Amino acid sequence: MLVKIWTNNFIITGDIDTLRDERLTDYVRENRDFIAVTQVKVSDREGKDLFRTHFLNVNTRQIEIILPAE
């Protein structure tokens, strides 16, 4: 599932590996400490691209907003 994640400092766009028909809310709750994101683009809060990477662990305590990306 392609998602967009807002933290205090960053906007993170990438893929998370959810089960078929799994809700995003359930996925976040099950992965309490970190979410593994692949094919990642990280931008600042103004939208300026900072870097890209194949893998990033995101601390769930830092997530302000997460939603499916379009």
PDB file of N, CA and C in Angstrom:
ATOM      1  N   MET A   1       0.847  -1.162   0.000  1.00  0.00           N
ATOM      2  CA  MET A   1       0.000   0.000   0.000  1.00  0.00           C
ATOM      3  C   MET A   1       0.902   1.237   0.000  1.00  0.00           C
ATOM      4  N   LEU A   2       0.651   2.153  -0.911  1.00  0.00           N
ATOM      5  CA  LEU A   2       1.379   3.411  -0.955  1.00  0.00           C
ATOM      6  C   LEU A   2       0.771   4.351   0.082  1.00  0.00           C
ATOM      7  N   VAL A   3       1.623   4.898   0.962  1.00  0.00           N
ATOM      8  CA  VAL A   3       1.142   5.777   2.028  1.00  0.00           C
ATOM      9  C   VAL A   3       1.916   7.082   2.045  1.00  0.00           C
ATOM     10  N   LYS A   4       1.315   8.060   2.684  1.00  0.00           N
ATOM     11  CA  LYS A   4       1.960   9.338   2.956  1.00  0.00           C
ATOM     12  C   LYS A   4       1.897   9.543   4.463  1.00  0.00           C
ATOM     13  N   ILE A   5       3.065   9.836   5.065  1.00  0.00           N
ATOM     14  CA  ILE A   5       3.185   9.967   6.516  1.00  0.00           C
ATOM     15  C   ILE A   5       3.730  11.354   6.841  1.00  0.00           C
ATOM     16  N   TRP A   6       3.049  12.066   7.716  1.00  0.00           N
ATOM     17  CA  TRP A   6       3.544  13.347   8.203  1.00  0.00           C
ATOM     18  C   TRP A   6       4.082  13.164   9.617  1.00  0.00           C
ATOM     19  N   THR A   7       5.294  13.648   9.839  1.00  0.00           N
ATOM     20  CA  THR A   7       5.863  13.722  11.180  1.00  0.00           C
ATOM     21  C   THR A   7       6.022  15.208  11.499  1.00  0.00           C
ATOM     22  N   ASN A   8       6.598  15.508  12.635  1.00  0.00           N
ATOM     23  CA  ASN A   8       6.818  16.901  13.011  1.00  0.00           C
ATOM     24  C   ASN A   8       7.694  17.633  11.995  1.00  0.00           C
ATOM     25  N   ASN A   9       8.658  16.934  11.394  1.00  0.00           N
ATOM     26  CA  ASN A   9       9.617  17.570  10.500  1.00  0.00           C
ATOM     27  C   ASN A   9       9.553  17.133   9.050  1.00  0.00           C
ATOM     28  N   PHE A  10       8.939  15.979   8.765  1.00  0.00           N
ATOM     29  CA  PHE A  10       9.052  15.393   7.437  1.00  0.00           C
ATOM     30  C   PHE A  10       7.712  14.938   6.874  1.00  0.00           C
ATOM     31  N   ILE A  11       7.693  14.794   5.551  1.00  0.00           N
ATOM     32  CA  ILE A  11       6.621  14.102   4.846  1.00  0.00           C
ATOM     33  C   ILE A  11       7.285  12.905   4.182  1.00  0.00           C
ATOM     34  N   ILE A  12       6.816  11.712   4.505  1.00  0.00           N
ATOM     35  CA  ILE A  12       7.414  10.470   4.021  1.00  0.00           C
ATOM     36  C   ILE A  12       6.391   9.777   3.133  1.00  0.00           C
ATOM     37  N   THR A  13       6.789   9.473   1.906  1.00  0.00           N
ATOM     38  CA  THR A  13       5.928   8.763   0.973  1.00  0.00           C
ATOM     39  C   THR A  13       6.611   7.460   0.595  1.00  0.00           C
ATOM     40  N   GLY A  14       5.871   6.358   0.676  1.00  0.00           N
ATOM     41  CA  GLY A  14       6.447   5.068   0.318  1.00  0.00           C
ATOM     42  C   GLY A  14       5.449   3.950   0.493  1.00  0.00           C
ATOM     43  N   ASP A  15       5.930   2.730   0.304  1.00  0.00           N
ATOM     44  CA  ASP A  15       5.084   1.545   0.375  1.00  0.00           C
ATOM     45  C   ASP A  15       5.228   0.846   1.719  1.00  0.00           C
ATOM     46  N   ILE A  16       4.101   0.353   2.243  1.00  0.00           N
ATOM     47  CA  ILE A  16       4.120  -0.531   3.406  1.00  0.00           C
ATOM     48  C   ILE A  16       3.488  -1.847   2.976  1.00  0.00           C
ATOM     49  N   ASP A  17       3.905  -2.921   3.596  1.00  0.00           N
ATOM     50  CA  ASP A  17       3.451  -4.256   3.219  1.00  0.00           C
ATOM     51  C   ASP A  17       2.314  -4.692   4.125  1.00  0.00           C
ATOM     52  N   THR A  18       1.094  -4.379   3.716  1.00  0.00           N
ATOM     53  CA  THR A  18      -0.083  -4.784   4.488  1.00  0.00           C
ATOM     54  C   THR A  18      -0.638  -6.088   3.932  1.00  0.00           C
ATOM     55  N   LEU A  19      -1.381  -6.782   4.740  1.00  0.00           N
ATOM     56  CA  LEU A  19      -2.081  -7.976   4.279  1.00  0.00           C
ATOM     57  C   LEU A  19      -3.257  -7.563   3.402  1.00  0.00           C
ATOM     58  N   ARG A  20      -3.672  -8.468   2.563  1.00  0.00           N
ATOM     59  CA  ARG A  20      -4.824  -8.181   1.706  1.00  0.00           C
ATOM     60  C   ARG A  20      -6.036  -7.823   2.559  1.00  0.00           C
ATOM     61  N   ASP A  21      -6.703  -6.754   2.215  1.00  0.00           N
ATOM     62  CA  ASP A  21      -7.898  -6.260   2.921  1.00  0.00           C
ATOM     63  C   ASP A  21      -7.626  -5.799   4.353  1.00  0.00           C
ATOM     64  N   GLU A  22      -6.355  -5.617   4.724  1.00  0.00           N
ATOM     65  CA  GLU A  22      -6.020  -5.109   6.063  1.00  0.00           C
ATOM     66  C   GLU A  22      -6.192  -3.588   6.088  1.00  0.00           C
ATOM     67  N   ARG A  23      -6.821  -3.096   7.138  1.00  0.00           N
ATOM     68  CA  ARG A  23      -7.000  -1.656   7.280  1.00  0.00           C
ATOM     69  C   ARG A  23      -5.699  -1.014   7.741  1.00  0.00           C
ATOM     70  N   LEU A  24      -5.457   0.204   7.268  1.00  0.00           N
ATOM     71  CA  LEU A  24      -4.248   0.932   7.634  1.00  0.00           C
ATOM     72  C   LEU A  24      -4.181   1.140   9.145  1.00  0.00           C
ATOM     73  N   THR A  25      -5.285   1.437   9.761  1.00  0.00           N
ATOM     74  CA  THR A  25      -5.339   1.625  11.215  1.00  0.00           C
ATOM     75  C   THR A  25      -4.886   0.366  11.946  1.00  0.00           C
ATOM     76  N   ASP A  26      -5.342  -0.788  11.516  1.00  0.00           N
ATOM     77  CA  ASP A  26      -4.948  -2.053  12.146  1.00  0.00           C
ATOM     78  C   ASP A  26      -3.460  -2.301  11.956  1.00  0.00           C
ATOM     79  N   TYR A  27      -2.936  -1.993  10.763  1.00  0.00           N
ATOM     80  CA  TYR A  27      -1.511  -2.184  10.501  1.00  0.00           C
ATOM     81  C   TYR A  27      -0.664  -1.353  11.458  1.00  0.00           C
ATOM     82  N   VAL A  28      -1.027  -0.091  11.650  1.00  0.00           N
ATOM     83  CA  VAL A  28      -0.264   0.794  12.532  1.00  0.00           C
ATOM     84  C   VAL A  28      -0.340   0.308  13.973  1.00  0.00           C
ATOM     85  N   ARG A  29      -1.510  -0.111  14.413  1.00  0.00           N
ATOM     86  CA  ARG A  29      -1.664  -0.609  15.785  1.00  0.00           C
ATOM     87  C   ARG A  29      -0.853  -1.875  16.036  1.00  0.00           C
ATOM     88  N   GLU A  30      -0.787  -2.768  15.045  1.00  0.00           N
ATOM     89  CA  GLU A  30      -0.040  -4.015  15.204  1.00  0.00           C
ATOM     90  C   GLU A  30       1.465  -3.781  15.236  1.00  0.00           C
ATOM     91  N   ASN A  31       1.940  -2.761  14.539  1.00  0.00           N
ATOM     92  CA  ASN A  31       3.362  -2.431  14.490  1.00  0.00           C
ATOM     93  C   ASN A  31       3.603  -1.240  15.412  1.00  0.00           C
ATOM     94  N   ARG A  32       3.592  -1.496  16.682  1.00  0.00           N
ATOM     95  CA  ARG A  32       3.553  -0.439  17.693  1.00  0.00           C
ATOM     96  C   ARG A  32       4.769   0.473  17.710  1.00  0.00           C
ATOM     97  N   ASP A  33       5.961  -0.053  17.477  1.00  0.00           N
ATOM     98  CA  ASP A  33       7.165   0.767  17.608  1.00  0.00           C
ATOM     99  C   ASP A  33       7.625   1.385  16.294  1.00  0.00           C
ATOM    100  N   PHE A  34       7.718   0.571  15.251  1.00  0.00           N
ATOM    101  CA  PHE A  34       8.225   1.048  13.970  1.00  0.00           C
ATOM    102  C   PHE A  34       7.413   0.487  12.817  1.00  0.00           C
ATOM    103  N   ILE A  35       7.337   1.270  11.750  1.00  0.00           N
ATOM    104  CA  ILE A  35       6.724   0.827  10.505  1.00  0.00           C
ATOM    105  C   ILE A  35       7.820   0.783   9.456  1.00  0.00           C
ATOM    106  N   ALA A  36       7.937  -0.348   8.762  1.00  0.00           N
ATOM    107  CA  ALA A  36       8.900  -0.480   7.676  1.00  0.00           C
ATOM    108  C   ALA A  36       8.288   0.094   6.396  1.00  0.00           C
ATOM    109  N   VAL A  37       8.977   1.060   5.803  1.00  0.00           N
ATOM    110  CA  VAL A  37       8.519   1.701   4.569  1.00  0.00           C
ATOM    111  C   VAL A  37       9.585   1.464   3.505  1.00  0.00           C
ATOM    112  N   THR A  38       9.146   1.078   2.304  1.00  0.00           N
ATOM    113  CA  THR A  38      10.087   0.846   1.205  1.00  0.00           C
ATOM    114  C   THR A  38       9.807   1.828   0.063  1.00  0.00           C
ATOM    115  N   GLN A  39      10.791   1.954  -0.839  1.00  0.00           N
ATOM    116  CA  GLN A  39      10.698   2.876  -1.978  1.00  0.00           C
ATOM    117  C   GLN A  39      10.286   4.266  -1.486  1.00  0.00           C
ATOM    118  N   VAL A  40      11.103   4.820  -0.602  1.00  0.00           N
ATOM    119  CA  VAL A  40      10.768   5.994   0.199  1.00  0.00           C
ATOM    120  C   VAL A  40      11.269   7.297  -0.427  1.00  0.00           C
ATOM    121  N   LYS A  41      10.416   8.308  -0.341  1.00  0.00           N
ATOM    122  CA  LYS A  41      10.802   9.685  -0.653  1.00  0.00           C
ATOM    123  C   LYS A  41      10.539  10.514   0.601  1.00  0.00           C
ATOM    124  N   VAL A  42      11.552  11.236   1.064  1.00  0.00           N
ATOM    125  CA  VAL A  42      11.411  12.075   2.249  1.00  0.00           C
ATOM    126  C   VAL A  42      11.528  13.530   1.832  1.00  0.00           C
ATOM    127  N   SER A  43      10.545  14.332   2.260  1.00  0.00           N
ATOM    128  CA  SER A  43      10.514  15.768   1.982  1.00  0.00           C
ATOM    129  C   SER A  43      10.387  16.521   3.289  1.00  0.00           C
ATOM    130  N   ASP A  44      10.737  17.809   3.270  1.00  0.00           N
ATOM    131  CA  ASP A  44      10.462  18.620   4.453  1.00  0.00           C
ATOM    132  C   ASP A  44       8.986  19.002   4.435  1.00  0.00           C
ATOM    133  N   ARG A  45       8.517  19.671   5.468  1.00  0.00           N
ATOM    134  CA  ARG A  45       7.091  19.994   5.587  1.00  0.00           C
ATOM    135  C   ARG A  45       6.613  20.982   4.529  1.00  0.00           C
ATOM    136  N   GLU A  46       7.545  21.654   3.869  1.00  0.00           N
ATOM    137  CA  GLU A  46       7.181  22.565   2.781  1.00  0.00           C
ATOM    138  C   GLU A  46       7.140  21.840   1.432  1.00  0.00           C
ATOM    139  N   GLY A  47       7.523  20.567   1.414  1.00  0.00           N
ATOM    140  CA  GLY A  47       7.467  19.768   0.201  1.00  0.00           C
ATOM    141  C   GLY A  47       8.770  19.658  -0.572  1.00  0.00           C
ATOM    142  N   LYS A  48       9.871  20.236  -0.056  1.00  0.00           N
ATOM    143  CA  LYS A  48      11.170  20.144  -0.724  1.00  0.00           C
ATOM    144  C   LYS A  48      11.749  18.745  -0.522  1.00  0.00           C
ATOM    145  N   ASP A  49      12.080  18.066  -1.638  1.00  0.00           N
ATOM    146  CA  ASP A  49      12.662  16.729  -1.559  1.00  0.00           C
ATOM    147  C   ASP A  49      14.010  16.778  -0.846  1.00  0.00           C
ATOM    148  N   LEU A  50      14.178  15.878   0.141  1.00  0.00           N
ATOM    149  CA  LEU A  50      15.429  15.792   0.883  1.00  0.00           C
ATOM    150  C   LEU A  50      16.259  14.601   0.439  1.00  0.00           C
ATOM    151  N   PHE A  51      15.623  13.403   0.362  1.00  0.00           N
ATOM    152  CA  PHE A  51      16.341  12.219  -0.102  1.00  0.00           C
ATOM    153  C   PHE A  51      15.365  11.108  -0.427  1.00  0.00           C
ATOM    154  N   ARG A  52      15.901  10.098  -1.088  1.00  0.00           N
ATOM    155  CA  ARG A  52      15.156   8.874  -1.405  1.00  0.00           C
ATOM    156  C   ARG A  52      15.985   7.692  -0.922  1.00  0.00           C
ATOM    157  N   THR A  53      15.289   6.628  -0.528  1.00  0.00           N
ATOM    158  CA  THR A  53      15.978   5.413  -0.087  1.00  0.00           C
ATOM    159  C   THR A  53      15.069   4.219  -0.340  1.00  0.00           C
ATOM    160  N   HIS A  54      15.663   3.042  -0.367  1.00  0.00           N
ATOM    161  CA  HIS A  54      14.879   1.830  -0.597  1.00  0.00           C
ATOM    162  C   HIS A  54      14.163   1.355   0.664  1.00  0.00           C
ATOM    163  N   PHE A  55      14.657   1.763   1.856  1.00  0.00           N
ATOM    164  CA  PHE A  55      14.074   1.285   3.108  1.00  0.00           C
ATOM    165  C   PHE A  55      14.235   2.324   4.205  1.00  0.00           C
ATOM    166  N   LEU A  56      13.186   2.466   5.019  1.00  0.00           N
ATOM    167  CA  LEU A  56      13.236   3.376   6.160  1.00  0.00           C
ATOM    168  C   LEU A  56      12.307   2.836   7.244  1.00  0.00           C
ATOM    169  N   ASN A  57      12.785   2.782   8.466  1.00  0.00           N
ATOM    170  CA  ASN A  57      11.938   2.462   9.611  1.00  0.00           C
ATOM    171  C   ASN A  57      11.424   3.773  10.187  1.00  0.00           C
ATOM    172  N   VAL A  58      10.117   3.883  10.356  1.00  0.00           N
ATOM    173  CA  VAL A  58       9.508   5.098  10.895  1.00  0.00           C
ATOM    174  C   VAL A  58       8.979   4.792  12.290  1.00  0.00           C
ATOM    175  N   ASN A  59       9.405   5.565  13.262  1.00  0.00           N
ATOM    176  CA  ASN A  59       8.953   5.407  14.637  1.00  0.00           C
ATOM    177  C   ASN A  59       7.488   5.833  14.703  1.00  0.00           C
ATOM    178  N   THR A  60       6.621   4.930  15.145  1.00  0.00           N
ATOM    179  CA  THR A  60       5.183   5.232  15.162  1.00  0.00           C
ATOM    180  C   THR A  60       4.832   6.368  16.115  1.00  0.00           C
ATOM    181  N   ARG A  61       5.666   6.624  17.119  1.00  0.00           N
ATOM    182  CA  ARG A  61       5.390   7.732  18.050  1.00  0.00           C
ATOM    183  C   ARG A  61       5.599   9.090  17.394  1.00  0.00           C
ATOM    184  N   GLN A  62       6.297   9.115  16.257  1.00  0.00           N
ATOM    185  CA  GLN A  62       6.562  10.364  15.552  1.00  0.00           C
ATOM    186  C   GLN A  62       5.498  10.685  14.496  1.00  0.00           C
ATOM    187  N   ILE A  63       4.603   9.733  14.215  1.00  0.00           N
ATOM    188  CA  ILE A  63       3.605   9.920  13.169  1.00  0.00           C
ATOM    189  C   ILE A  63       2.495  10.832  13.654  1.00  0.00           C
ATOM    190  N   GLU A  64       2.272  11.920  12.919  1.00  0.00           N
ATOM    191  CA  GLU A  64       1.146  12.811  13.195  1.00  0.00           C
ATOM    192  C   GLU A  64      -0.051  12.442  12.327  1.00  0.00           C
ATOM    193  N   ILE A  65       0.207  12.160  11.057  1.00  0.00           N
ATOM    194  CA  ILE A  65      -0.844  11.777  10.100  1.00  0.00           C
ATOM    195  C   ILE A  65      -0.292  10.679   9.208  1.00  0.00           C
ATOM    196  N   ILE A  66      -1.123   9.670   8.921  1.00  0.00           N
ATOM    197  CA  ILE A  66      -0.784   8.662   7.918  1.00  0.00           C
ATOM    198  C   ILE A  66      -2.048   8.377   7.118  1.00  0.00           C
ATOM    199  N   LEU A  67      -1.889   8.313   5.799  1.00  0.00           N
ATOM    200  CA  LEU A  67      -3.035   8.032   4.946  1.00  0.00           C
ATOM    201  C   LEU A  67      -2.575   7.388   3.658  1.00  0.00           C
ATOM    202  N   PRO A  68      -3.481   6.661   2.991  1.00  0.00           N
ATOM    203  CA  PRO A  68      -3.118   6.087   1.692  1.00  0.00           C
ATOM    204  C   PRO A  68      -2.818   7.224   0.712  1.00  0.00           C
ATOM    205  N   ALA A  69      -1.728   7.083  -0.027  1.00  0.00           N
ATOM    206  CA  ALA A  69      -1.361   8.091  -1.024  1.00  0.00           C
ATOM    207  C   ALA A  69      -2.050   7.774  -2.330  1.00  0.00           C
ATOM    208  N   GLU A  70      -2.286   8.786  -3.113  1.00  0.00           N
ATOM    209  CA  GLU A  70      -2.928   8.586  -4.422  1.00  0.00           C
ATOM    210  C   GLU A  70      -1.956   8.811  -5.526  1.00  0.00           C
TER     211      GLU A  70
END
